[in-house]
């Protein structure tokens, strides 16, 4: 049994399966309704039922009064339809519509991914969830008043934790602390989400993803989002690193090509080591894209990583016909103290 939900303001229609909340179903189908905690406590997801009714498996949530419930309002994060619905709710259509927030968090997991990359998972308070678009970033707020920016490596549907890939930067005070001093259960403060680096889902253009080093992190979130919501567009991922030891999630990238035949993956090494016995692509990652795609006029490209790579791509891709209105980038300068 499933029910259809139509959003009055946009006429978008999506299906809700039995036992599924309105919000979960919307996010699963790439319709971004607003939310905060996803637990019925904050009221951020409240909307109005214009037609149909809903119920709450565990009783009326604390985030909505009985009076508002009787007037036809609902918390879509927990509400399950009893019939087809027509609802009045704001729909988040662009990153600018998501308000950045300052939130406390706890280091839930710290895992070494490679010789110089660590995976950090952050847990927010039980009453909070971070709404974001796949590819955006957050800031760590440091005690000295400074901040450090890191891209989100998980997709919006998988938001129990915030996943970051942090590379150790020589002479970088914060990344040194992450590697040497930060422990699980340590408390931090973050602010976000920020950025306009996310898949333009309204487009029908084939996609080229260019990642350099830990620029793979937001690309990972984007591809996992694509797989979750069923976007059917050709995607070619290029991941540029120095040597094979830097392909810290190579098997995961390979697995995406098996899950979806529209996804291709090409790793590119700039300085392969003798022991790598590398027979694949070498050189600069943007050059590999130029060699494979003589005509980029119908593509959109997403570039994430060191500024030198991102800007080189911007300057070179136009030579193969790319319209820079369809070039989206996310470049962080490595910060040293």
Protein backbone atom coordinates (compact mmCIF):
# COMPACT_ATOMS: atom_id res chain seq x y z
CA UNK A 1 0.00 0.00 0.00
CA UNK A 2 1.31 3.44 -0.90
CA UNK A 3 -0.20 6.92 -0.98
CA UNK A 4 0.53 9.93 -3.16
CA UNK A 5 1.38 13.34 -1.75
CA UNK A 6 1.05 16.53 -3.79
CA UNK A 7 2.70 19.78 -2.69
CA UNK A 8 0.26 22.57 -3.48
CA UNK A 9 2.80 25.31 -4.27
CA UNK A 10 4.89 23.31 -6.76
CA UNK A 11 2.52 20.51 -7.85
CA UNK A 12 5.31 18.04 -7.14
CA UNK A 13 3.91 14.58 -6.43
CA UNK A 14 5.68 11.74 -4.64
CA UNK A 15 4.76 8.34 -3.24
CA UNK A 16 4.85 7.32 0.43
CA UNK A 17 5.16 3.64 1.24
CA UNK A 18 3.36 1.98 4.14
CA UNK A 19 5.16 2.69 7.42
CA UNK A 20 7.16 5.56 5.89
CA UNK A 21 6.95 9.19 6.99
CA UNK A 22 6.07 11.97 4.55
CA UNK A 23 9.51 13.57 5.01
CA UNK A 24 11.47 10.35 4.52
CA UNK A 25 9.55 9.61 1.33
CA UNK A 26 10.08 13.15 0.01
CA UNK A 27 13.84 13.08 0.63
CA UNK A 28 14.09 9.62 -0.91
CA UNK A 29 12.58 11.05 -4.10
CA UNK A 30 14.77 14.18 -4.12
CA UNK A 31 12.06 16.54 -2.88
CA UNK A 32 13.61 18.71 -0.18
CA UNK A 33 11.05 19.58 2.46
CA UNK A 34 12.46 21.59 5.38
CA UNK A 35 13.39 19.83 8.61
CA UNK A 36 15.50 20.19 11.71
CA UNK A 37 15.62 17.29 14.14
CA UNK A 38 13.70 14.57 12.22
CA UNK A 39 12.42 13.45 15.62
CA UNK A 40 9.25 15.50 16.11
CA UNK A 41 10.76 17.94 18.57
CA UNK A 42 11.63 21.15 16.75
CA UNK A 43 8.63 21.81 14.52
CA UNK A 44 10.75 22.84 11.50
CA UNK A 45 9.01 20.35 9.21
CA UNK A 46 5.47 21.44 10.09
CA UNK A 47 3.07 21.85 7.19
CA UNK A 48 -0.65 21.90 6.59
CA UNK A 49 -2.90 19.12 5.37
CA UNK A 50 -5.25 20.49 2.70
CA UNK A 51 -6.63 17.08 1.83
CA UNK A 52 -6.29 13.72 3.58
CA UNK A 53 -5.15 12.70 7.04
CA UNK A 54 -2.08 11.35 8.80
CA UNK A 55 -1.28 9.45 11.98
CA UNK A 56 1.72 9.09 14.27
CA UNK A 57 2.69 5.51 15.21
CA UNK A 58 4.02 6.59 18.62
CA UNK A 59 1.45 9.23 19.44
CA UNK A 60 1.36 12.99 18.91
CA UNK A 61 4.95 14.39 18.82
CA UNK A 62 5.97 17.03 21.35
CA UNK A 63 6.70 19.50 18.54
CA UNK A 64 3.03 20.02 17.66
CA UNK A 65 0.13 20.98 19.89
CA UNK A 66 -3.14 19.08 19.89
CA UNK A 67 -4.88 22.29 18.80
CA UNK A 68 -2.62 22.63 15.71
CA UNK A 69 -3.10 18.95 14.97
CA UNK A 70 -6.87 19.40 15.07
CA UNK A 71 -6.55 22.40 12.72
CA UNK A 72 -4.91 20.18 10.10
CA UNK A 73 -1.22 20.83 10.71
CA UNK A 74 1.30 17.99 10.76
CA UNK A 75 4.95 17.26 11.47
CA UNK A 76 6.01 15.54 8.27
CA UNK A 77 9.13 13.98 9.80
CA UNK A 78 6.94 11.50 11.70
CA UNK A 79 3.52 11.77 10.05
CA UNK A 80 2.42 8.70 8.07
CA UNK A 81 -0.43 9.09 5.56
CA UNK A 82 -3.78 7.39 6.03
CA UNK A 83 -4.82 8.44 2.51
CA UNK A 84 -3.60 10.42 -0.48
CA UNK A 85 -2.57 13.92 0.63
CA UNK A 86 -2.45 17.46 -0.64
CA UNK A 87 -0.14 19.49 1.59
CA UNK A 88 0.96 23.06 2.04
CA UNK A 89 4.67 23.16 2.78
CA UNK A 90 7.70 25.16 1.77
CA UNK A 91 9.99 23.27 -0.59
CA UNK A 92 13.75 23.91 -0.39
CA UNK A 93 14.83 24.47 -3.99
CA UNK A 94 18.30 26.02 -3.55
CA UNK A 95 21.11 25.99 -1.01
CA UNK A 96 20.46 29.63 -0.15
CA UNK A 97 17.14 28.57 1.37
CA UNK A 98 18.85 26.40 4.00
CA UNK A 99 19.83 28.55 6.94
CA UNK A 100 23.30 27.86 8.34
CA UNK A 101 23.28 26.99 12.03
CA UNK A 102 25.84 26.66 14.81
CA UNK A 103 25.58 23.26 16.45
CA UNK A 104 27.50 21.25 19.05
CA UNK A 105 28.69 17.82 18.01
CA UNK A 106 30.61 14.85 19.35
CA UNK A 107 33.35 12.87 17.63
CA UNK A 108 31.62 9.53 17.13
CA UNK A 109 34.23 7.76 15.02
CA UNK A 110 37.80 8.36 13.88
CA UNK A 111 39.14 5.95 11.25
CA UNK A 112 42.38 6.01 9.28
CA UNK A 113 41.60 5.78 5.57
CA UNK A 114 45.16 6.13 4.26
CA UNK A 115 48.59 7.27 5.33
CA UNK A 116 47.41 10.90 5.48
CA UNK A 117 43.59 10.85 5.42
CA UNK A 118 41.26 10.28 8.36
CA UNK A 119 37.51 9.74 8.33
CA UNK A 120 35.68 11.62 11.07
CA UNK A 121 32.04 10.97 11.92
CA UNK A 122 30.24 13.60 13.99
CA UNK A 123 27.09 13.01 16.02
CA UNK A 124 24.72 15.92 16.63
CA UNK A 125 22.44 16.13 19.69
CA UNK A 126 19.45 13.76 19.56
CA UNK A 127 17.12 16.69 18.91
CA UNK A 128 19.07 17.98 15.89
CA UNK A 129 19.74 16.97 12.28
CA UNK A 130 21.62 19.00 9.67
CA UNK A 131 19.69 19.62 6.46
CA UNK A 132 22.02 20.02 3.48
CA UNK A 133 22.53 19.36 -0.20
CA UNK A 134 25.04 16.68 -1.16
CA UNK A 135 28.35 18.45 -1.81
CA UNK A 136 28.03 21.33 0.65
CA UNK A 137 30.51 21.99 3.47
CA UNK A 138 30.65 22.91 7.16
CA UNK A 139 33.05 24.91 9.30
CA UNK A 140 34.67 23.73 12.51
CA UNK A 141 34.57 26.69 14.91
CA UNK A 142 37.85 26.80 16.81
CA UNK A 143 38.51 28.25 20.26
CA UNK A 144 40.85 30.92 18.85
CA UNK A 145 38.04 32.39 16.77
CA UNK A 146 39.24 30.84 13.52
CA UNK A 147 37.44 28.21 11.47
CA UNK A 148 38.35 25.31 9.20
CA UNK A 149 36.17 24.22 6.28
CA UNK A 150 35.51 20.60 5.28
CA UNK A 151 33.14 19.14 2.73
CA UNK A 152 30.37 16.79 3.76
CA UNK A 153 31.09 13.27 2.49
CA UNK A 154 27.68 11.75 3.16
CA UNK A 155 24.39 12.17 1.31
CA UNK A 156 21.33 13.91 2.81
CA UNK A 157 19.33 10.69 3.21
CA UNK A 158 22.15 9.23 5.34
CA UNK A 159 22.30 11.95 7.98
CA UNK A 160 22.57 10.06 11.26
CA UNK A 161 26.21 11.19 11.32
CA UNK A 162 28.16 13.91 9.56
CA UNK A 163 31.03 12.33 7.61
CA UNK A 164 34.25 14.22 6.81
CA UNK A 165 37.50 13.19 5.11
CA UNK A 166 40.40 15.16 6.59
CA UNK A 167 43.87 15.13 5.13
CA UNK A 168 46.90 15.87 7.30
CA UNK A 169 48.52 19.09 6.09
CA UNK A 170 52.19 19.64 7.00
CA UNK A 171 52.40 22.57 9.46
CA UNK A 172 48.61 22.60 9.68
CA UNK A 173 47.81 23.10 13.36
CA UNK A 174 44.20 21.93 13.18
CA UNK A 175 44.78 18.85 11.02
CA UNK A 176 47.71 18.00 13.28
CA UNK A 177 45.33 18.11 16.25
CA UNK A 178 42.83 15.94 14.36
CA UNK A 179 45.42 13.25 13.72
CA UNK A 180 47.38 13.39 16.98
CA UNK A 181 45.06 14.70 19.70
CA UNK A 182 41.39 14.46 18.76
CA UNK A 183 39.67 11.49 20.40
CA UNK A 184 36.30 9.84 20.06
CA UNK A 185 33.69 11.51 22.32
CA UNK A 186 35.48 14.88 22.14
CA UNK A 187 33.06 17.80 21.76
CA UNK A 188 33.29 20.37 18.95
CA UNK A 189 31.21 23.15 17.44
CA UNK A 190 30.31 23.35 13.76
CA UNK A 191 28.50 25.84 11.55
CA UNK A 192 26.77 25.10 8.27
CA UNK A 193 25.87 24.05 5.74
CA UNK A 194 27.49 26.37 3.21
CA UNK A 195 28.21 26.41 -0.51
CA UNK A 196 26.60 26.11 -3.91
CA UNK A 197 28.39 22.90 -4.86
CA UNK A 198 25.62 20.37 -5.45
CA UNK A 199 24.08 18.47 -8.36
CA UNK A 200 21.72 20.58 -10.48
CA UNK A 201 18.95 18.02 -10.64
CA UNK A 202 16.78 20.06 -12.99
CA UNK A 203 19.42 19.69 -15.72
CA UNK A 204 19.46 16.84 -18.23
CA UNK A 205 23.13 17.24 -19.21
CA UNK A 206 25.55 14.34 -18.73
CA UNK A 207 27.85 14.90 -15.75
CA UNK A 208 31.63 14.84 -15.36
CA UNK A 209 32.92 14.79 -11.77
CA UNK A 210 36.55 15.84 -11.23
CA UNK A 211 37.98 15.12 -7.78
CA UNK A 212 41.48 15.82 -6.54
CA UNK A 213 42.69 14.17 -3.31
CA UNK A 214 40.11 14.60 -0.54
CA UNK A 215 38.02 16.57 -3.02
CA UNK A 216 36.61 13.07 -3.41
CA UNK A 217 34.57 13.64 -0.21
CA UNK A 218 31.75 15.85 -1.60
CA UNK A 219 31.78 13.87 -4.85
CA UNK A 220 31.11 10.74 -2.78
CA UNK A 221 28.08 12.41 -1.21
CA UNK A 222 26.83 13.50 -4.63
CA UNK A 223 27.07 10.02 -6.15
CA UNK A 224 25.42 8.39 -3.14
CA UNK A 225 22.60 10.92 -3.51
CA UNK A 226 22.30 10.14 -7.22
CA UNK A 227 22.06 6.43 -6.46
CA UNK A 228 19.50 6.98 -3.71
CA UNK A 229 17.08 9.18 -5.67
CA UNK A 230 17.52 7.44 -9.01
CA UNK A 231 18.88 10.26 -11.20
CA UNK A 232 19.32 8.72 -14.66
CA UNK A 233 22.10 10.71 -16.31
CA UNK A 234 25.51 9.52 -17.50
CA UNK A 235 28.18 10.28 -14.88
CA UNK A 236 31.94 9.98 -15.38
CA UNK A 237 34.05 10.32 -12.23
CA UNK A 238 37.74 11.22 -12.56
CA UNK A 239 39.79 11.04 -9.35
CA UNK A 240 43.25 12.57 -9.49
CA UNK A 241 45.85 11.66 -6.86
CA UNK A 242 49.62 11.19 -6.68
CA UNK A 243 49.90 7.40 -6.25
CA UNK A 244 47.72 4.39 -5.53
CA UNK A 245 48.01 4.81 -1.75
CA UNK A 246 46.03 8.06 -2.13
CA UNK A 247 43.02 6.29 -3.69
CA UNK A 248 41.68 5.76 -0.19
CA UNK A 249 38.18 4.63 -1.29
CA UNK A 250 39.03 3.09 -4.63
CA UNK A 251 36.90 -0.04 -4.06
CA UNK A 252 33.87 2.06 -3.18
CA UNK A 253 34.26 4.08 -6.37
CA UNK A 254 34.51 0.87 -8.38
CA UNK A 255 31.38 -0.48 -6.71
CA UNK A 256 29.31 2.48 -7.97
CA UNK A 257 29.97 1.43 -11.56
CA UNK A 258 28.51 -1.99 -10.74
CA UNK A 259 25.43 -0.51 -9.08
CA UNK A 260 24.63 1.79 -11.99
CA UNK A 261 25.83 1.22 -15.60
CA UNK A 262 25.51 4.96 -16.24
CA UNK A 263 28.45 5.62 -13.88
CA UNK A 264 32.06 5.39 -15.08
CA UNK A 265 35.20 5.77 -12.96
CA UNK A 266 38.70 6.76 -14.07
CA UNK A 267 41.50 7.19 -11.49
CA UNK A 268 44.44 9.32 -12.67
CA UNK A 269 47.88 9.25 -10.99
CA UNK A 270 50.22 12.20 -11.30
CA UNK A 271 53.26 10.57 -9.60
CA UNK A 272 52.83 6.77 -9.57
CA UNK A 273 55.46 4.89 -7.61
CA UNK A 274 57.44 2.00 -9.06
CA UNK A 275 55.78 -0.39 -6.63
CA UNK A 276 52.34 0.70 -7.87
CA UNK A 277 52.89 -1.15 -11.15
CA UNK A 278 50.37 1.31 -12.53
CA UNK A 279 49.04 0.73 -16.04
CA UNK A 280 46.16 3.22 -15.88
CA UNK A 281 45.94 6.92 -16.67
CA UNK A 282 48.70 9.29 -15.60
CA UNK A 283 49.24 13.04 -15.60
CA UNK A 284 46.91 15.86 -14.58
CA UNK A 285 43.30 14.87 -14.00
CA UNK A 286 41.87 17.80 -15.98
CA UNK A 287 44.09 16.82 -18.91
CA UNK A 288 42.64 13.30 -18.87
CA UNK A 289 39.16 14.78 -19.18
CA UNK A 290 40.29 16.97 -22.07
CA UNK A 291 41.73 13.93 -23.85
CA UNK A 292 38.54 11.89 -23.44
CA UNK A 293 36.03 14.63 -24.26
CA UNK A 294 36.95 16.73 -27.28
CA UNK A 295 33.52 18.40 -27.18
CA UNK A 296 32.30 19.47 -23.75
CA UNK A 297 29.60 21.81 -25.00
CA UNK A 298 26.73 19.58 -23.82
CA UNK A 299 28.23 18.60 -20.44
CA UNK A 300 28.28 19.97 -16.94
CA UNK A 301 31.39 19.53 -14.84
CA UNK A 302 31.80 19.53 -11.06
CA UNK A 303 35.35 20.06 -9.82
CA UNK A 304 36.40 19.57 -6.19
CA UNK A 305 39.85 19.69 -4.65
CA UNK A 306 42.91 21.92 -4.55
CA UNK A 307 42.42 25.36 -6.12
CA UNK A 308 45.19 24.80 -8.70
CA UNK A 309 43.31 21.82 -10.14
CA UNK A 310 39.90 23.49 -10.03
CA UNK A 311 41.14 26.68 -11.69
CA UNK A 312 43.17 24.78 -14.29
CA UNK A 313 40.02 22.94 -15.26
CA UNK A 314 38.07 26.18 -15.50
CA UNK A 315 40.69 27.71 -17.79
CA UNK A 316 41.20 24.65 -19.99
CA UNK A 317 37.74 23.14 -20.40
CA UNK A 318 36.49 26.15 -22.34
CA UNK A 319 38.97 25.17 -25.08
CA UNK A 320 36.87 22.03 -25.59
CA UNK A 321 33.64 24.00 -25.68
CA UNK A 322 32.45 23.93 -22.06
CA UNK A 323 29.99 26.68 -21.15
CA UNK A 324 31.30 27.95 -17.80
CA UNK A 325 27.72 28.46 -16.66
CA UNK A 326 27.80 24.67 -16.32
CA UNK A 327 31.08 24.46 -14.38
CA UNK A 328 30.60 24.14 -10.63
CA UNK A 329 33.53 24.06 -8.25
CA UNK A 330 34.49 23.63 -4.64
CA UNK A 331 38.09 24.63 -3.85
CA UNK A 332 39.58 25.10 -0.36
CA UNK A 333 42.97 26.60 0.27
CA UNK A 334 44.93 24.48 2.72
CA UNK A 335 45.34 26.66 5.79
CA UNK A 336 48.51 26.70 7.83
CA UNK A 337 49.05 28.34 11.21
